[in-house]
Amino acid sequence: MSPKFFESTLQERIRLTNDVYEFAFALKQPEEIEFKAGQFINIRVDDGNKKILFRSYSILSKTSEKKVIRSCIKIVREGRCTEWLEKIPLGTPVTFMGPIGMFVCKKESEKNMLFIATGTGITPLLCMIEDELKNGQKKSIHLLWGFRNESHIFYQERLEKLAEQYKNFTYEITLSQPSESWKGARGRVTEQLEKKDLDKEKTDVYICGLGDMVLDVKNLCMKKEIPAESIHFERYD
């Protein structure tokens, strides 16, 4: 699938937290898109600035959803693209290029799958997880997802429904700065990963988030003797 340009309109903007939205872009030309779970698009920022700018965002849509592209995006203050997306009216034309990227599940592997994300790094991982489960994947799939505190959590009901529907899927949310009332895991994702006894021969790891976290998790996996070819990652910066 070679990347190409798509014309779309902003169809929906769902506020998930104080600074995170789910955006939906309805395709106009071409009317459909084919992509692999884990890939991303490059959105063109048409904000009137003479300097052309593209920004990359992972695809959240189900692979069967061919007429709409969804993405979960954190608003970065003074970031041209995210502030433009936050303020434009529904129906505004949006041009993007895609699909792009090789951060996809290794279909030939029979290993169990461990997904690790922080914040909006969940976007490609959730797309992967739902795609694997929908396609009848029976091996163990576990998600470790980190936030700062409770106010940053989103998609928890969505994950709970997946866990109820698919017995081979489990997840845990860990908070680095939780309130005293938080009943779940505490600490960074690296702290939780440190406690896990990973089967180095039977585990594929997929990591997504900001650069430092990704590198820390990757190094910790290697310390646990996970082979380099079993560690897959995408850095958001």
C-alpha atoms as a PDB file:
ATOM      1  CA  MET A   1       0.000   0.000   0.000  1.00  0.00           C
ATOM      2  CA  SER A   2       1.802   3.104  -1.224  1.00  0.00           C
ATOM      3  CA  PRO A   3       0.849   6.318   0.615  1.00  0.00           C
ATOM      4  CA  LYS A   4      -1.278   8.802  -1.299  1.00  0.00           C
ATOM      5  CA  PHE A   5      -3.170  12.017  -0.646  1.00  0.00           C
ATOM      6  CA  PHE A   6      -6.738  11.949   0.658  1.00  0.00           C
ATOM      7  CA  GLU A   7      -9.284  14.751   0.842  1.00  0.00           C
ATOM      8  CA  SER A   8     -11.561  14.571   3.880  1.00  0.00           C
ATOM      9  CA  THR A   9     -13.662  16.714   6.198  1.00  0.00           C
ATOM     10  CA  LEU A  10     -13.606  16.914   9.962  1.00  0.00           C
ATOM     11  CA  GLN A  11     -16.644  14.821  10.903  1.00  0.00           C
ATOM     12  CA  GLU A  12     -16.377  14.532  14.670  1.00  0.00           C
ATOM     13  CA  ARG A  13     -14.323  15.854  17.603  1.00  0.00           C
ATOM     14  CA  ILE A  14     -14.861  14.020  20.891  1.00  0.00           C
ATOM     15  CA  ARG A  15     -13.278  15.438  24.028  1.00  0.00           C
ATOM     16  CA  LEU A  16     -11.744  12.614  26.095  1.00  0.00           C
ATOM     17  CA  THR A  17      -9.833  14.620  28.720  1.00  0.00           C
ATOM     18  CA  ASN A  18      -8.852  18.233  29.285  1.00  0.00           C
ATOM     19  CA  ASP A  19      -6.325  18.109  26.436  1.00  0.00           C
ATOM     20  CA  VAL A  20      -7.052  14.922  24.466  1.00  0.00           C
ATOM     21  CA  TYR A  21      -9.607  14.500  21.675  1.00  0.00           C
ATOM     22  CA  GLU A  22     -10.670  11.747  19.328  1.00  0.00           C
ATOM     23  CA  PHE A  23     -10.940  13.174  15.810  1.00  0.00           C
ATOM     24  CA  ALA A  24     -12.828  11.567  12.926  1.00  0.00           C
ATOM     25  CA  PHE A  25     -12.182  12.540   9.308  1.00  0.00           C
ATOM     26  CA  ALA A  26     -14.760  11.495   6.678  1.00  0.00           C
ATOM     27  CA  LEU A  27     -13.095  10.586   3.393  1.00  0.00           C
ATOM     28  CA  LYS A  28     -14.202  12.426   0.246  1.00  0.00           C
ATOM     29  CA  GLN A  29     -11.586  11.668  -2.402  1.00  0.00           C
ATOM     30  CA  PRO A  30     -10.689   8.832  -2.546  1.00  0.00           C
ATOM     31  CA  GLU A  31     -13.750   7.630  -0.642  1.00  0.00           C
ATOM     32  CA  GLU A  32     -12.065   4.623   0.996  1.00  0.00           C
ATOM     33  CA  ILE A  33      -8.694   3.770   2.496  1.00  0.00           C
ATOM     34  CA  GLU A  34      -6.883   0.500   3.172  1.00  0.00           C
ATOM     35  CA  PHE A  35      -4.359   0.386   6.018  1.00  0.00           C
ATOM     36  CA  LYS A  36      -2.699  -1.925   8.498  1.00  0.00           C
ATOM     37  CA  ALA A  37      -3.278  -1.612  12.238  1.00  0.00           C
ATOM     38  CA  GLY A  38      -0.444   0.474  13.672  1.00  0.00           C
ATOM     39  CA  GLN A  39       0.107   2.748  10.677  1.00  0.00           C
ATOM     40  CA  PHE A  40      -0.246   6.551  10.663  1.00  0.00           C
ATOM     41  CA  ILE A  41      -1.240   9.494   8.464  1.00  0.00           C
ATOM     42  CA  ASN A  42       0.391  12.878   7.813  1.00  0.00           C
ATOM     43  CA  ILE A  43      -2.119  15.719   8.182  1.00  0.00           C
ATOM     44  CA  ARG A  44      -1.576  18.938   6.242  1.00  0.00           C
ATOM     45  CA  VAL A  45      -2.119  22.056   8.359  1.00  0.00           C
ATOM     46  CA  ASP A  46      -4.194  24.519   6.317  1.00  0.00           C
ATOM     47  CA  ASP A  47      -4.216  27.356   8.858  1.00  0.00           C
ATOM     48  CA  GLY A  48      -3.375  30.188   6.470  1.00  0.00           C
ATOM     49  CA  ASN A  49       0.329  30.152   7.246  1.00  0.00           C
ATOM     50  CA  LYS A  50       2.455  30.305   4.098  1.00  0.00           C
ATOM     51  CA  LYS A  51       4.819  27.693   5.518  1.00  0.00           C
ATOM     52  CA  ILE A  52       3.387  24.262   4.637  1.00  0.00           C
ATOM     53  CA  LEU A  53       3.352  21.892   7.593  1.00  0.00           C
ATOM     54  CA  PHE A  54       2.510  18.206   7.961  1.00  0.00           C
ATOM     55  CA  ARG A  55       2.108  16.374  11.265  1.00  0.00           C
ATOM     56  CA  SER A  56       1.968  12.615  11.841  1.00  0.00           C
ATOM     57  CA  TYR A  57      -0.827  10.919  13.817  1.00  0.00           C
ATOM     58  CA  SER A  58      -1.445   7.226  14.377  1.00  0.00           C
ATOM     59  CA  ILE A  59      -4.663   5.680  13.084  1.00  0.00           C
ATOM     60  CA  LEU A  60      -7.208   4.611  15.693  1.00  0.00           C
ATOM     61  CA  SER A  61      -9.884   3.358  13.275  1.00  0.00           C
ATOM     62  CA  LYS A  62     -10.739  -0.300  12.965  1.00  0.00           C
ATOM     63  CA  THR A  63      -9.205  -1.727   9.783  1.00  0.00           C
ATOM     64  CA  SER A  64     -12.734  -2.519   8.575  1.00  0.00           C
ATOM     65  CA  GLU A  65     -13.694   1.167   8.862  1.00  0.00           C
ATOM     66  CA  LYS A  66     -12.660   2.295   5.375  1.00  0.00           C
ATOM     67  CA  LYS A  67     -14.616   5.533   4.924  1.00  0.00           C
ATOM     68  CA  VAL A  68     -13.515   7.322   8.110  1.00  0.00           C
ATOM     69  CA  ILE A  69     -10.086   7.829   9.663  1.00  0.00           C
ATOM     70  CA  ARG A  70      -9.971   8.295  13.421  1.00  0.00           C
ATOM     71  CA  SER A  71      -7.081   9.400  15.601  1.00  0.00           C
ATOM     72  CA  CYS A  72      -6.591  10.163  19.284  1.00  0.00           C
ATOM     73  CA  ILE A  73      -4.618  13.412  19.579  1.00  0.00           C
ATOM     74  CA  LYS A  74      -3.238  15.420  22.495  1.00  0.00           C
ATOM     75  CA  ILE A  75      -3.521  19.183  22.085  1.00  0.00           C
ATOM     76  CA  VAL A  76      -0.092  20.803  22.309  1.00  0.00           C
ATOM     77  CA  ARG A  77      -0.328  24.486  23.195  1.00  0.00           C
ATOM     78  CA  GLU A  78       1.297  26.627  20.492  1.00  0.00           C
ATOM     79  CA  GLY A  79       1.412  23.514  18.320  1.00  0.00           C
ATOM     80  CA  ARG A  80       0.176  24.597  14.896  1.00  0.00           C
ATOM     81  CA  CYS A  81      -1.573  21.392  13.941  1.00  0.00           C
ATOM     82  CA  THR A  82      -3.290  20.454  17.189  1.00  0.00           C
ATOM     83  CA  GLU A  83      -4.518  23.978  17.935  1.00  0.00           C
ATOM     84  CA  TRP A  84      -5.824  24.230  14.359  1.00  0.00           C
ATOM     85  CA  LEU A  85      -7.648  20.898  14.689  1.00  0.00           C
ATOM     86  CA  GLU A  86      -9.110  21.937  18.039  1.00  0.00           C
ATOM     87  CA  LYS A  87     -10.690  25.157  16.719  1.00  0.00           C
ATOM     88  CA  ILE A  88     -11.783  24.438  13.126  1.00  0.00           C
ATOM     89  CA  PRO A  89     -15.539  23.887  12.607  1.00  0.00           C
ATOM     90  CA  LEU A  90     -16.921  20.462  11.797  1.00  0.00           C
ATOM     91  CA  GLY A  91     -17.062  20.040   8.036  1.00  0.00           C
ATOM     92  CA  THR A  92     -13.736  21.818   7.461  1.00  0.00           C
ATOM     93  CA  PRO A  93     -11.684  20.224   4.655  1.00  0.00           C
ATOM     94  CA  VAL A  94      -8.626  18.300   5.866  1.00  0.00           C
ATOM     95  CA  THR A  95      -5.961  16.878   3.550  1.00  0.00           C
ATOM     96  CA  PHE A  96      -3.732  14.030   4.675  1.00  0.00           C
ATOM     97  CA  MET A  97      -1.298  11.528   3.225  1.00  0.00           C
ATOM     98  CA  GLY A  98      -1.213   7.868   4.137  1.00  0.00           C
ATOM     99  CA  PRO A  99      -1.157   5.177   5.199  1.00  0.00           C
ATOM    100  CA  ILE A 100       2.479   5.210   6.347  1.00  0.00           C
ATOM    101  CA  GLY A 101       4.631   3.119   8.662  1.00  0.00           C
ATOM    102  CA  MET A 102       5.965  -0.329   9.475  1.00  0.00           C
ATOM    103  CA  PHE A 103       4.939  -0.403  13.157  1.00  0.00           C
ATOM    104  CA  VAL A 104       2.521  -3.304  12.704  1.00  0.00           C
ATOM    105  CA  CYS A 105       1.937  -6.681  14.337  1.00  0.00           C
ATOM    106  CA  LYS A 106       4.139  -9.516  13.161  1.00  0.00           C
ATOM    107  CA  LYS A 107       1.476 -11.861  11.820  1.00  0.00           C
ATOM    108  CA  GLU A 108       3.849 -14.808  11.477  1.00  0.00           C
ATOM    109  CA  SER A 109       4.764 -14.772  15.177  1.00  0.00           C
ATOM    110  CA  GLU A 110       3.117 -17.218  17.586  1.00  0.00           C
ATOM    111  CA  LYS A 111       4.398 -15.408  20.678  1.00  0.00           C
ATOM    112  CA  ASN A 112       2.210 -13.794  23.308  1.00  0.00           C
ATOM    113  CA  MET A 113       1.826 -10.040  22.955  1.00  0.00           C
ATOM    114  CA  LEU A 114       2.688  -7.350  25.513  1.00  0.00           C
ATOM    115  CA  PHE A 115       1.637  -3.793  24.617  1.00  0.00           C
ATOM    116  CA  ILE A 116       3.063  -0.859  26.604  1.00  0.00           C
ATOM    117  CA  ALA A 117       1.918   2.759  26.194  1.00  0.00           C
ATOM    118  CA  THR A 118       1.683   6.092  27.920  1.00  0.00           C
ATOM    119  CA  GLY A 119      -0.980   8.683  27.115  1.00  0.00           C
ATOM    120  CA  THR A 120      -2.009   8.898  23.475  1.00  0.00           C
ATOM    121  CA  GLY A 121       0.625   6.280  22.650  1.00  0.00           C
ATOM    122  CA  ILE A 122      -2.342   3.931  23.056  1.00  0.00           C
ATOM    123  CA  THR A 123      -3.645   4.945  19.610  1.00  0.00           C
ATOM    124  CA  PRO A 124      -1.788   2.492  17.338  1.00  0.00           C
ATOM    125  CA  LEU A 125      -1.704  -0.166  20.066  1.00  0.00           C
ATOM    126  CA  LEU A 126      -5.470  -0.130  20.570  1.00  0.00           C
ATOM    127  CA  CYS A 127      -5.919  -0.403  16.811  1.00  0.00           C
ATOM    128  CA  MET A 128      -3.569  -3.412  16.818  1.00  0.00           C
ATOM    129  CA  ILE A 129      -5.203  -5.063  19.820  1.00  0.00           C
ATOM    130  CA  GLU A 130      -8.736  -4.736  18.453  1.00  0.00           C
ATOM    131  CA  ASP A 131      -7.591  -5.975  15.051  1.00  0.00           C
ATOM    132  CA  GLU A 132      -5.888  -9.046  16.532  1.00  0.00           C
ATOM    133  CA  LEU A 133      -8.860  -9.913  18.734  1.00  0.00           C
ATOM    134  CA  LYS A 134     -11.410  -9.382  15.952  1.00  0.00           C
ATOM    135  CA  ASN A 135      -9.416 -11.688  13.696  1.00  0.00           C
ATOM    136  CA  GLY A 136      -9.607 -14.520  16.216  1.00  0.00           C
ATOM    137  CA  GLN A 137      -6.195 -14.258  17.826  1.00  0.00           C
ATOM    138  CA  LYS A 138      -6.074 -16.754  20.724  1.00  0.00           C
ATOM    139  CA  LYS A 139      -2.650 -16.044  22.210  1.00  0.00           C
ATOM    140  CA  SER A 140      -2.333 -13.935  25.352  1.00  0.00           C
ATOM    141  CA  ILE A 141      -2.596 -10.178  24.790  1.00  0.00           C
ATOM    142  CA  HIS A 142      -1.797  -7.832  27.679  1.00  0.00           C
ATOM    143  CA  LEU A 143      -1.771  -4.012  27.766  1.00  0.00           C
ATOM    144  CA  LEU A 144       0.183  -1.935  30.289  1.00  0.00           C
ATOM    145  CA  TRP A 145      -0.849   1.735  30.045  1.00  0.00           C
ATOM    146  CA  GLY A 146       0.552   4.605  32.072  1.00  0.00           C
ATOM    147  CA  PHE A 147      -0.767   8.054  33.005  1.00  0.00           C
ATOM    148  CA  ARG A 148       0.121  10.745  35.508  1.00  0.00           C
ATOM    149  CA  ASN A 149      -3.188  10.765  37.417  1.00  0.00           C
ATOM    150  CA  GLU A 150      -6.864   9.834  37.207  1.00  0.00           C
ATOM    151  CA  SER A 151      -7.873  12.956  35.258  1.00  0.00           C
ATOM    152  CA  HIS A 152      -5.784  11.776  32.294  1.00  0.00           C
ATOM    153  CA  ILE A 153      -7.446   8.363  31.890  1.00  0.00           C
ATOM    154  CA  PHE A 154      -9.638   7.669  28.846  1.00  0.00           C
ATOM    155  CA  TYR A 155     -10.999   4.640  26.945  1.00  0.00           C
ATOM    156  CA  GLN A 156     -11.216   2.597  30.164  1.00  0.00           C
ATOM    157  CA  GLU A 157     -14.774   1.438  29.388  1.00  0.00           C
ATOM    158  CA  ARG A 158     -13.664   0.420  25.909  1.00  0.00           C
ATOM    159  CA  LEU A 159     -10.872  -1.711  27.351  1.00  0.00           C
ATOM    160  CA  GLU A 160     -13.192  -3.223  29.939  1.00  0.00           C
ATOM    161  CA  LYS A 161     -15.601  -4.329  27.219  1.00  0.00           C
ATOM    162  CA  LEU A 162     -12.740  -5.946  25.299  1.00  0.00           C
ATOM    163  CA  ALA A 163     -11.590  -7.770  28.432  1.00  0.00           C
ATOM    164  CA  GLU A 164     -15.135  -9.043  29.034  1.00  0.00           C
ATOM    165  CA  GLN A 165     -15.566 -10.185  25.447  1.00  0.00           C
ATOM    166  CA  TYR A 166     -12.122 -11.747  24.925  1.00  0.00           C
ATOM    167  CA  LYS A 167     -10.739 -13.876  27.744  1.00  0.00           C
ATOM    168  CA  ASN A 168      -7.211 -13.791  26.296  1.00  0.00           C
ATOM    169  CA  PHE A 169      -7.052  -9.979  26.660  1.00  0.00           C
ATOM    170  CA  THR A 170      -6.092  -8.287  29.916  1.00  0.00           C
ATOM    171  CA  TYR A 171      -4.992  -4.768  30.761  1.00  0.00           C
ATOM    172  CA  GLU A 172      -3.705  -2.675  33.636  1.00  0.00           C
ATOM    173  CA  ILE A 173      -3.526   1.075  34.104  1.00  0.00           C
ATOM    174  CA  THR A 174      -0.771   2.496  36.276  1.00  0.00           C
ATOM    175  CA  LEU A 175      -0.524   6.077  37.575  1.00  0.00           C
ATOM    176  CA  SER A 176       2.724   7.835  38.455  1.00  0.00           C
ATOM    177  CA  GLN A 177       1.015  10.510  40.606  1.00  0.00           C
ATOM    178  CA  PRO A 178      -2.329   9.022  41.723  1.00  0.00           C
ATOM    179  CA  SER A 179      -4.658  10.336  44.401  1.00  0.00           C
ATOM    180  CA  GLU A 180      -4.893   8.493  47.702  1.00  0.00           C
ATOM    181  CA  SER A 181      -8.199   6.945  46.598  1.00  0.00           C
ATOM    182  CA  TRP A 182      -6.724   5.265  43.499  1.00  0.00           C
ATOM    183  CA  LYS A 183      -7.125   1.487  43.812  1.00  0.00           C
ATOM    184  CA  GLY A 184      -5.062   0.441  40.811  1.00  0.00           C
ATOM    185  CA  ALA A 185      -1.365   0.093  40.083  1.00  0.00           C
ATOM    186  CA  ARG A 186       1.005   2.883  41.085  1.00  0.00           C
ATOM    187  CA  GLY A 187       4.213   4.049  39.470  1.00  0.00           C
ATOM    188  CA  ARG A 188       5.562   4.432  35.976  1.00  0.00           C
ATOM    189  CA  VAL A 189       5.180   1.729  33.349  1.00  0.00           C
ATOM    190  CA  THR A 190       8.858   0.873  33.831  1.00  0.00           C
ATOM    191  CA  GLU A 191       8.237   0.169  37.518  1.00  0.00           C
ATOM    192  CA  GLN A 192       5.407  -2.200  36.668  1.00  0.00           C
ATOM    193  CA  LEU A 193       7.417  -3.843  33.905  1.00  0.00           C
ATOM    194  CA  GLU A 194      10.313  -4.385  36.311  1.00  0.00           C
ATOM    195  CA  LYS A 195       8.036  -6.599  38.429  1.00  0.00           C
ATOM    196  CA  LYS A 196       6.931  -8.794  35.545  1.00  0.00           C
ATOM    197  CA  ASP A 197       8.435 -12.213  34.882  1.00  0.00           C
ATOM    198  CA  LEU A 198       8.498 -12.192  31.080  1.00  0.00           C
ATOM    199  CA  ASP A 199       9.060 -15.341  29.070  1.00  0.00           C
ATOM    200  CA  LYS A 200      11.908 -14.149  26.872  1.00  0.00           C
ATOM    201  CA  GLU A 201      11.264 -16.870  24.298  1.00  0.00           C
ATOM    202  CA  LYS A 202       7.509 -16.382  24.034  1.00  0.00           C
ATOM    203  CA  THR A 203       6.877 -12.616  24.231  1.00  0.00           C
ATOM    204  CA  ASP A 204       6.563  -9.950  21.546  1.00  0.00           C
ATOM    205  CA  VAL A 205       6.615  -6.409  22.960  1.00  0.00           C
ATOM    206  CA  TYR A 206       5.036  -3.380  21.276  1.00  0.00           C
ATOM    207  CA  ILE A 207       5.811   0.053  22.765  1.00  0.00           C
ATOM    208  CA  CYS A 208       4.474   3.521  21.929  1.00  0.00           C
ATOM    209  CA  GLY A 209       4.756   6.904  23.613  1.00  0.00           C
ATOM    210  CA  LEU A 210       7.220   9.726  24.110  1.00  0.00           C
ATOM    211  CA  GLY A 211      10.856   9.061  23.326  1.00  0.00           C
ATOM    212  CA  ASP A 212      12.380   8.708  26.793  1.00  0.00           C
ATOM    213  CA  MET A 213       9.709   6.251  27.946  1.00  0.00           C
ATOM    214  CA  VAL A 214      10.071   4.155  24.809  1.00  0.00           C
ATOM    215  CA  LEU A 215      13.843   3.924  25.202  1.00  0.00           C
ATOM    216  CA  ASP A 216      13.576   3.123  28.925  1.00  0.00           C
ATOM    217  CA  VAL A 217      11.072   0.329  28.273  1.00  0.00           C
ATOM    218  CA  LYS A 218      13.101  -1.017  25.369  1.00  0.00           C
ATOM    219  CA  ASN A 219      16.262  -1.118  27.486  1.00  0.00           C
ATOM    220  CA  LEU A 220      14.422  -2.801  30.344  1.00  0.00           C
ATOM    221  CA  CYS A 221      13.060  -5.455  27.971  1.00  0.00           C
ATOM    222  CA  MET A 222      16.571  -6.109  26.703  1.00  0.00           C
ATOM    223  CA  LYS A 223      17.771  -6.340  30.292  1.00  0.00           C
ATOM    224  CA  LYS A 224      15.123  -9.034  30.747  1.00  0.00           C
ATOM    225  CA  GLU A 225      16.719 -10.772  27.731  1.00  0.00           C
ATOM    226  CA  ILE A 226      13.849 -10.209  25.320  1.00  0.00           C
ATOM    227  CA  PRO A 227      15.466 -10.573  21.859  1.00  0.00           C
ATOM    228  CA  ALA A 228      15.809  -7.318  19.921  1.00  0.00           C
ATOM    229  CA  GLU A 229      13.733  -8.747  17.065  1.00  0.00           C
ATOM    230  CA  SER A 230      10.834  -9.233  19.506  1.00  0.00           C
ATOM    231  CA  ILE A 231      10.798  -5.575  20.609  1.00  0.00           C
ATOM    232  CA  HIS A 232       8.821  -3.234  18.340  1.00  0.00           C
ATOM    233  CA  PHE A 233       8.328   0.457  19.049  1.00  0.00           C
ATOM    234  CA  GLU A 234       7.231   3.869  17.764  1.00  0.00           C
ATOM    235  CA  ARG A 235       8.358   7.129  19.348  1.00  0.00           C
ATOM    236  CA  TYR A 236       6.073  10.146  19.292  1.00  0.00           C
ATOM    237  CA  ASP A 237       8.925  12.679  19.438  1.00  0.00           C
END
